[in-house]
């Protein structure tokens, strides 16, 4: 398949997640019926959970989709059916469940700010000037590399990419350490450099969204869920990085939820791991065990 040259907006990615979730719910129901299990989505929903698992840039459209889905069904009143069904055994209607939000979310290494209507925000340290400088530096370089490839050409784009990587390394502006570089180098076959540059389009889309009213509107839903009792969140992050990719307030909220037992939400730091913490080269088994424990909890 051919991808859009300009990449995809966060709104387009969130809509793609929404449509994919509908297909997954239907396909799972069909598979279960063929396997001799119940044949309706409502009955399957009463026994099984629908989990959203996102990493890195997937967290942004993933949370947009989840928050929109929760808001949509809450406005129409169908959230009660969708949420009551798993616990009461009463099947919700098929149309309700196709648009229902995920039951739970698992986020890896990126955590966005809290919902604007969140009450009792904890007091935490603010993001340091150093962290802001590192974040703007590497994100700006990645966005520029994508733009050069898009508007000038692939050859010049590769040159810009190489120069950008040299700058990040020499001035220690990369957000990650060698532990993550080893994961990238272990890929077989190696990723094509032009493909790698193209995959930097979320940085371009991020800056573009921040500069337009429509883009800023899309990003309004890019937050932690408002009601963590209805949509619990497990956040796991590697500590071996130059800077963290999470909002400190949101992390504290999840830790508080766990400590007070308000919901099953939690934030777990993973030592001796970086951005690719669930890689076989880092802490796959620990991450897997934590996710299983969270889902079954």
Protein backbone atom coordinates (compact mmCIF):
# COMPACT_ATOMS: atom_id res chain seq x y z
CA UNK A 1 0.00 0.00 0.00
CA UNK A 2 1.08 3.58 -0.65
CA UNK A 3 1.28 6.02 2.25
CA UNK A 4 0.43 9.71 2.11
CA UNK A 5 3.55 11.73 1.33
CA UNK A 6 2.75 14.19 4.09
CA UNK A 7 2.11 11.44 6.62
CA UNK A 8 -1.09 11.34 8.64
CA UNK A 9 -2.66 13.83 11.03
CA UNK A 10 -3.43 12.73 14.57
CA UNK A 11 -7.11 13.05 13.71
CA UNK A 12 -6.71 10.63 10.80
CA UNK A 13 -4.79 8.16 12.97
CA UNK A 14 -7.41 8.34 15.73
CA UNK A 15 -10.17 7.70 13.19
CA UNK A 16 -8.20 4.73 11.85
CA UNK A 17 -8.01 3.29 15.38
CA UNK A 18 -11.76 3.77 15.74
CA UNK A 19 -12.50 1.85 12.53
CA UNK A 20 -9.95 -0.85 13.40
CA UNK A 21 -11.58 -1.33 16.80
CA UNK A 22 -14.94 -1.90 15.14
CA UNK A 23 -13.47 -4.54 12.84
CA UNK A 24 -11.64 -6.25 15.71
CA UNK A 25 -14.79 -6.45 17.79
CA UNK A 26 -16.73 -7.96 14.91
CA UNK A 27 -13.97 -10.34 13.91
CA UNK A 28 -13.54 -11.58 17.45
CA UNK A 29 -17.26 -12.21 17.76
CA UNK A 30 -17.24 -14.14 14.47
CA UNK A 31 -14.22 -16.20 15.50
CA UNK A 32 -15.82 -17.04 18.84
CA UNK A 33 -19.04 -18.17 17.18
CA UNK A 34 -17.13 -20.42 14.80
CA UNK A 35 -15.27 -21.84 17.78
CA UNK A 36 -18.54 -22.80 19.38
CA UNK A 37 -18.63 -19.91 21.79
CA UNK A 38 -21.29 -17.21 22.04
CA UNK A 39 -22.23 -15.60 18.77
CA UNK A 40 -23.00 -12.02 19.72
CA UNK A 41 -20.68 -9.17 20.49
CA UNK A 42 -22.71 -8.36 23.57
CA UNK A 43 -22.19 -11.80 25.06
CA UNK A 44 -18.48 -11.71 24.26
CA UNK A 45 -18.19 -8.28 25.84
CA UNK A 46 -19.77 -9.67 28.98
CA UNK A 47 -16.86 -12.11 29.34
CA UNK A 48 -13.88 -10.45 27.66
CA UNK A 49 -12.08 -7.13 27.75
CA UNK A 50 -11.07 -4.89 24.89
CA UNK A 51 -7.61 -3.50 25.67
CA UNK A 52 -5.85 -0.62 23.92
CA UNK A 53 -2.04 -1.02 23.96
CA UNK A 54 0.06 1.85 22.61
CA UNK A 55 3.71 2.84 22.46
CA UNK A 56 5.54 6.04 21.52
CA UNK A 57 3.62 8.13 18.96
CA UNK A 58 0.80 5.60 19.00
CA UNK A 59 -0.14 6.93 22.43
CA UNK A 60 -1.29 10.29 21.03
CA UNK A 61 -3.94 9.06 18.54
CA UNK A 62 -4.65 6.12 20.85
CA UNK A 63 -5.74 8.42 23.67
CA UNK A 64 -7.60 10.69 21.26
CA UNK A 65 -9.59 7.68 20.04
CA UNK A 66 -10.24 6.34 23.54
CA UNK A 67 -11.37 9.70 24.94
CA UNK A 68 -13.59 10.41 21.94
CA UNK A 69 -15.18 6.97 22.18
CA UNK A 70 -15.82 7.41 25.89
CA UNK A 71 -17.31 10.85 25.31
CA UNK A 72 -19.47 9.70 22.40
CA UNK A 73 -21.08 6.81 24.22
CA UNK A 74 -21.41 8.84 27.41
CA UNK A 75 -23.31 11.57 25.56
CA UNK A 76 -25.66 9.07 23.95
CA UNK A 77 -26.16 7.17 27.19
CA UNK A 78 -24.89 3.85 25.88
CA UNK A 79 -21.86 3.89 28.14
CA UNK A 80 -23.97 2.41 30.91
CA UNK A 81 -24.80 -0.60 28.77
CA UNK A 82 -21.26 -1.08 27.60
CA UNK A 83 -19.75 -0.73 31.05
CA UNK A 84 -22.37 -2.66 33.01
CA UNK A 85 -22.35 -5.64 30.70
CA UNK A 86 -18.96 -7.13 31.70
CA UNK A 87 -19.88 -7.16 35.40
CA UNK A 88 -23.60 -7.93 35.31
CA UNK A 89 -23.61 -10.49 32.56
CA UNK A 90 -26.25 -8.47 30.72
CA UNK A 91 -25.23 -8.25 27.02
CA UNK A 92 -25.07 -4.78 25.55
CA UNK A 93 -26.37 -4.22 22.04
CA UNK A 94 -24.04 -4.86 19.11
CA UNK A 95 -24.19 -1.26 17.88
CA UNK A 96 -23.32 0.07 21.35
CA UNK A 97 -20.29 -2.18 21.68
CA UNK A 98 -18.91 -1.38 18.26
CA UNK A 99 -18.44 2.23 19.32
CA UNK A 100 -17.61 1.54 22.97
CA UNK A 101 -14.26 2.75 24.30
CA UNK A 102 -11.56 0.29 25.37
CA UNK A 103 -12.06 -1.20 28.81
CA UNK A 104 -8.44 -0.56 29.77
CA UNK A 105 -5.32 1.07 28.36
CA UNK A 106 -1.67 0.04 28.47
CA UNK A 107 0.79 2.79 27.53
CA UNK A 108 4.50 2.31 26.97
CA UNK A 109 7.01 5.12 27.57
CA UNK A 110 4.80 8.06 26.57
CA UNK A 111 2.19 9.61 28.85
CA UNK A 112 0.20 12.72 28.00
CA UNK A 113 -1.15 15.45 30.35
CA UNK A 114 -4.20 14.86 32.56
CA UNK A 115 -7.71 15.57 31.35
CA UNK A 116 -8.56 19.28 31.83
CA UNK A 117 -11.51 18.37 34.08
CA UNK A 118 -9.39 16.24 36.42
CA UNK A 119 -9.82 17.33 40.03
CA UNK A 120 -7.29 17.38 42.87
CA UNK A 121 -4.21 17.53 40.70
CA UNK A 122 -1.10 16.50 42.64
CA UNK A 123 1.80 18.88 43.10
CA UNK A 124 4.85 17.69 41.17
CA UNK A 125 8.09 19.14 39.87
CA UNK A 126 7.81 20.94 36.58
CA UNK A 127 9.63 20.00 33.41
CA UNK A 128 13.17 21.37 33.59
CA UNK A 129 14.71 23.76 31.07
CA UNK A 130 17.17 21.00 30.17
CA UNK A 131 14.35 18.56 29.38
CA UNK A 132 12.52 21.14 27.28
CA UNK A 133 15.71 21.96 25.37
CA UNK A 134 16.45 18.30 24.60
CA UNK A 135 12.84 17.65 23.55
CA UNK A 136 12.67 20.66 21.22
CA UNK A 137 16.10 19.89 19.75
CA UNK A 138 15.57 16.31 18.67
CA UNK A 139 11.93 16.83 17.69
CA UNK A 140 12.85 19.84 15.61
CA UNK A 141 15.66 17.94 13.84
CA UNK A 142 13.40 14.96 13.11
CA UNK A 143 10.63 17.22 11.77
CA UNK A 144 13.16 19.06 9.61
CA UNK A 145 14.54 15.79 8.17
CA UNK A 146 11.03 14.74 7.17
CA UNK A 147 10.32 18.13 5.60
CA UNK A 148 13.54 18.04 3.57
CA UNK A 149 12.66 14.59 2.26
CA UNK A 150 9.11 15.71 1.48
CA UNK A 151 9.78 19.06 -0.18
CA UNK A 152 13.35 18.77 -1.49
CA UNK A 153 14.06 15.12 -2.22
CA UNK A 154 15.20 11.81 -0.79
CA UNK A 155 18.92 12.29 -1.45
CA UNK A 156 19.05 15.65 0.30
CA UNK A 157 16.77 14.20 2.99
CA UNK A 158 19.30 11.47 3.74
CA UNK A 159 22.03 14.10 3.98
CA UNK A 160 19.94 16.13 6.41
CA UNK A 161 19.27 13.00 8.45
CA UNK A 162 22.96 12.10 8.71
CA UNK A 163 23.86 15.65 9.73
CA UNK A 164 21.04 15.68 12.25
CA UNK A 165 22.20 12.41 13.84
CA UNK A 166 25.76 13.77 14.08
CA UNK A 167 24.51 16.91 15.84
CA UNK A 168 22.41 14.88 18.28
CA UNK A 169 25.33 12.60 19.12
CA UNK A 170 28.08 15.22 19.36
CA UNK A 171 26.05 17.59 21.53
CA UNK A 172 24.31 14.78 23.44
CA UNK A 173 20.86 15.96 22.43
CA UNK A 174 19.40 12.53 21.76
CA UNK A 175 16.69 11.62 24.30
CA UNK A 176 17.79 7.97 24.44
CA UNK A 177 20.99 6.08 25.25
CA UNK A 178 22.93 3.20 23.68
CA UNK A 179 20.56 0.64 25.19
CA UNK A 180 17.95 1.73 22.64
CA UNK A 181 20.46 2.11 19.79
CA UNK A 182 21.24 -1.59 20.20
CA UNK A 183 17.58 -2.46 19.63
CA UNK A 184 17.50 -0.47 16.39
CA UNK A 185 20.77 -2.04 15.19
CA UNK A 186 19.47 -5.55 15.94
CA UNK A 187 16.65 -5.23 13.41
CA UNK A 188 16.94 -7.79 10.61
CA UNK A 189 16.85 -6.75 7.86
CA UNK A 190 17.87 -3.17 8.72
CA UNK A 191 15.21 -0.54 8.12
CA UNK A 192 15.64 1.44 4.90
CA UNK A 193 16.93 4.90 5.80
CA UNK A 194 14.32 6.64 3.64
CA UNK A 195 11.60 4.68 5.43
CA UNK A 196 13.08 5.73 8.75
CA UNK A 197 12.99 9.38 7.72
CA UNK A 198 9.39 9.04 6.52
CA UNK A 199 8.43 7.60 9.90
CA UNK A 200 9.39 10.95 11.43
CA UNK A 201 6.22 12.52 10.06
CA UNK A 202 4.53 12.63 13.52
CA UNK A 203 7.07 15.29 14.54
CA UNK A 204 6.13 17.33 11.50
CA UNK A 205 2.43 16.80 12.20
CA UNK A 206 2.95 17.76 15.86
CA UNK A 207 4.44 21.16 15.05
CA UNK A 208 1.89 21.67 12.28
CA UNK A 209 -0.99 20.89 14.65
CA UNK A 210 0.32 23.30 17.27
CA UNK A 211 0.35 26.11 14.71
CA UNK A 212 -3.23 25.69 13.43
CA UNK A 213 -6.54 26.06 15.23
CA UNK A 214 -7.82 22.83 13.69
CA UNK A 215 -4.73 20.96 14.84
CA UNK A 216 -4.96 22.33 18.37
CA UNK A 217 -8.61 21.23 18.43
CA UNK A 218 -7.59 17.66 17.56
CA UNK A 219 -5.04 17.63 20.36
CA UNK A 220 -7.62 18.61 22.99
CA UNK A 221 -8.52 14.94 23.36
CA UNK A 222 -4.87 13.86 23.68
CA UNK A 223 -4.99 13.49 27.46
CA UNK A 224 -5.18 10.90 30.17
CA UNK A 225 -8.78 9.59 30.50
CA UNK A 226 -10.97 11.68 32.76
CA UNK A 227 -12.47 8.73 34.65
CA UNK A 228 -9.80 6.17 35.47
CA UNK A 229 -12.32 3.99 37.30
CA UNK A 230 -14.11 3.46 33.99
CA UNK A 231 -10.96 3.25 31.85
CA UNK A 232 -7.93 2.25 33.98
CA UNK A 233 -4.45 2.93 32.63
CA UNK A 234 -1.20 1.04 33.11
CA UNK A 235 1.82 3.14 32.20
CA UNK A 236 5.29 1.58 31.97
CA UNK A 237 8.46 3.48 31.15
CA UNK A 238 12.18 2.79 30.89
CA UNK A 239 14.42 4.82 33.18
CA UNK A 240 17.63 4.56 31.11
CA UNK A 241 17.01 7.67 28.98
CA UNK A 242 18.34 11.22 28.90
CA UNK A 243 14.83 12.59 29.39
CA UNK A 244 11.44 11.05 30.15
CA UNK A 245 8.51 11.17 27.75
CA UNK A 246 5.77 11.48 30.34
CA UNK A 247 3.83 14.25 31.95
CA UNK A 248 4.87 14.26 35.61
CA UNK A 249 1.39 15.15 36.85
CA UNK A 250 -0.23 12.29 34.95
CA UNK A 251 2.38 9.85 36.24
CA UNK A 252 1.70 10.96 39.81
CA UNK A 253 -2.05 10.61 39.27
CA UNK A 254 -1.62 6.99 38.17
CA UNK A 255 0.68 6.26 41.12
CA UNK A 256 -1.88 7.83 43.47
CA UNK A 257 -4.68 5.75 41.97
CA UNK A 258 -2.66 2.63 42.72
CA UNK A 259 -1.64 3.68 46.24
CA UNK A 260 -5.17 4.69 47.27
CA UNK A 261 -6.87 1.83 45.44
CA UNK A 262 -9.13 4.28 43.60
CA UNK A 263 -8.68 2.25 40.42
CA UNK A 264 -6.35 -0.45 39.11
CA UNK A 265 -4.31 2.20 37.30
CA UNK A 266 -0.59 2.41 37.96
CA UNK A 267 2.71 3.81 36.68
CA UNK A 268 5.67 1.43 36.77
CA UNK A 269 9.30 2.43 36.27
CA UNK A 270 11.41 -0.21 34.53
CA UNK A 271 15.09 -0.02 35.44
CA UNK A 272 17.83 -1.12 33.03
CA UNK A 273 15.46 -0.41 30.14
CA UNK A 274 14.94 2.48 27.77
CA UNK A 275 12.38 3.55 25.19
CA UNK A 276 12.05 0.01 23.81
CA UNK A 277 11.55 -1.48 27.27
CA UNK A 278 9.44 -4.42 26.04
CA UNK A 279 12.12 -5.56 23.58
CA UNK A 280 13.73 -8.98 23.98
CA UNK A 281 16.99 -7.08 24.44
CA UNK A 282 15.59 -5.17 27.40
CA UNK A 283 12.81 -6.20 29.82
CA UNK A 284 10.27 -8.13 27.76
CA UNK A 285 9.31 -10.70 30.40
CA UNK A 286 8.91 -8.13 33.15
CA UNK A 287 6.71 -5.95 30.91
CA UNK A 288 4.68 -8.97 29.82
CA UNK A 289 4.10 -10.10 33.40
CA UNK A 290 3.04 -6.60 34.47
CA UNK A 291 0.55 -6.28 31.61
CA UNK A 292 -0.94 -9.73 32.31
CA UNK A 293 -1.27 -8.88 36.02
CA UNK A 294 -2.94 -5.57 35.17
CA UNK A 295 -5.42 -7.09 32.72
CA UNK A 296 -6.31 -9.96 35.05
CA UNK A 297 -6.48 -7.76 38.13
